[in-house]
Amino acid sequence: MIKSSKRAQRSTPYKKKTGRLKMVRLDMMENPYGSAPSALKSLRSITEETVSAYPEYEMLIEALASHFRLPKESILVGNGSDEILQSVFDGFCNEEDKVLIPVPTFPIIPTAAQKCGAKITTINYNDDLSFPKEEFLKNLANNPKIAVIVSPNNPTGTTVDRNFILDTASHFPKTLFLVDEAYAEYSTNKSLIDEAPKRRNIIVVRTFSKAYGLAGLRCGWAVSSPEIIDVLNKLRAPYCVNSAAATAAKAALSDQKWLSQVVKKIRSERKRLKASLNLLGFRCTESDANFLLLYTGKNSRFITEALESHRILVKNLTDTHKLMEGVLRVTVGSEKDNRLLIRTLRSILPKSALILDVDGTLVDVCDSYHRVICDTVLNLTGERPSDREIYQLKSGSGYNDDIDIVCELCCRRGKSITYDEAEKVFNSLYEGSPIGTGAVKSEKLLIDVTLLKQLSEKFKLALFTGRTRLHLEFAIKRFGIERYFETILTLDEIPKTKRKPHPYGLFQIMKELGCKQGTYIGDIPDDVQCAKAAGLTAVGVVPPVRKKAIYRKALQEAGADFVLQNINDLRRVLYE
């Protein structure tokens, strides 16, 4: 055999997966809604002459220049962004030139650098998957020829601040900053394409494969200074974009209304799908792209293969980087695709635990416990606390027990009250005489019983509450919902030193249910912190109060994986 070139010897072929058509493709970040109708229509109108002639794609460059208000000489189009990325390394890298690449990242990029014989330095993303700014700046001091930034990054889904990139490029003028914005349409971050033509060391690469839904036609584009574009054009084949791709890309670009609608749908589904995966007990990261990372631990291979047996494709990233161990990358599909994914996951996995708080979550206590707090403080001090004061305590940490709130409010009014004294007055007002005739009668069930029944069929359902057993029975027996819960844990069963936000109670419930994954839903920060401490998904639900914004903000700041406006919003998250 004839000896291959050094370039070929150091290159690794990209592993393509075939046989993907007619499957639910959630593995390669394609647009689940396809391409714009105008793009398909333009393909059908291609003439014999267009097919038989060598391609002319100046009209696509002109369309890009017009739409994005860029100079034509700053734009380059190519056979997908992959070809352009390779051209950047071919155009600016000699053997042994230094290249800086934060990882994990799009595998085509290190492969392209490797082909050129570049000396690659990789730096790891931070453990929280944020961009490693300090390490990046530290390594730029070594004057790499090219520094790579992918924003949003594949596979982390995280973005890099625009001003950071611009400032950094200004400070390191001898380094070419290669910025891959393949998922920019899904991001809330502002693109760099408006600045790239003005800079002598920034090139931004974009694609029509993702949001525009034209992956099968291979069309990408880039924007930079005219000098950089000239260098790239010297190395590329003269007809690298075929006529069909150029025609469809131009038509897709003109249909921004369709693109906006699709991006809006995918952003909405991204939020909904993340919540649904969280509800199954999985940790799932935030993303600024059209995919999510799903942490499955040692089950990554089993889940990937089980889903594929149901004709659903996801990407197992376990062997790609240490930060991706046990991680699946899941493209955000259409509502239909995502529903099938969630239903299939439920069918192949053991039931996970769904543990619910009671007050403010399942039961409206505004006219019971909330009113009794006010009346108890009035009874003991002669002063009635304001609603705002109670809201602030409840939305803070350390006040899961209403008796503790009473004691604190009394203390603020100059009267020291013991827990037992406060509890005696509180219970008499809540329970009434005869028992059951007090404020308890005004409580209302917040959750729709049909939804509760659905939840009991899909999860191992449990209650974990700061109520006493007696007070809980007032509610669940009155509303007839006791039969839906496999386990119930109340204040009476928890040692005083291990009450929420201590995770003791959740550990007990998980052990009793025999579950390894689970979710706890509650209405105050202590509930969120309790869930986090137990290693469970933490879901906040805004209680039926007037000051909803205070509670939502407090739940988010406490670290809730997501926050529901009310408990019945779970129905949408279930994909039913």
Foldseek 3Di string as FASTA:
>chain_A
DDDDDPLVVQFDDDDDDPPQPPFAEFAPQFQQVAADPLLVVLLVPDDPVQQVDFDDQLVLLVLVCVVVVHDSLQKDKFQALLVVLLLLCVLFPAAAAEEEEEDDFDVSNVNSNSSRNYDYDYDYQDLLNERPLVVLLVVCVVVGQEYEAEACTPPSQHGDAPVSVVVSCVVRVNHAYEYEDAFVLLAPHDDCQVPAQVHPRYKYKYGCRHLNNPVVQGMIMMGHHSVSSVSSVVPDDPRRHRNSRSSSSSSRSVPVVVSVVSSVQLNVLLVLLCLLLQQQFWDWHDHSGQKIKTQQAPCLVVLQVQVVVVRHHWAQCCPPDVSRNRIIITGRHGLVSSLVSSVSVLVVDDFAEEEEEPDLAFKDCCQALVVLLQVLLCVVQVDGDDPVLVLVVQQAPDPQDSLVVSQVSNVVSVDHDDSVRSVVSSLCQRQDVVGNPHSLVVMDTFEDVVVLQVCLVRHQYEYEYAADPVSVCSPCVVVVPPVSHPYYHYNVPDPPVQDFPRLVVVVVVCVVVVHPGREYEEQYLSSQSSQVNVSYQYEHEQGPDPPSVSRLVSNVVSPHSYYHPGNHCVVSSSSD
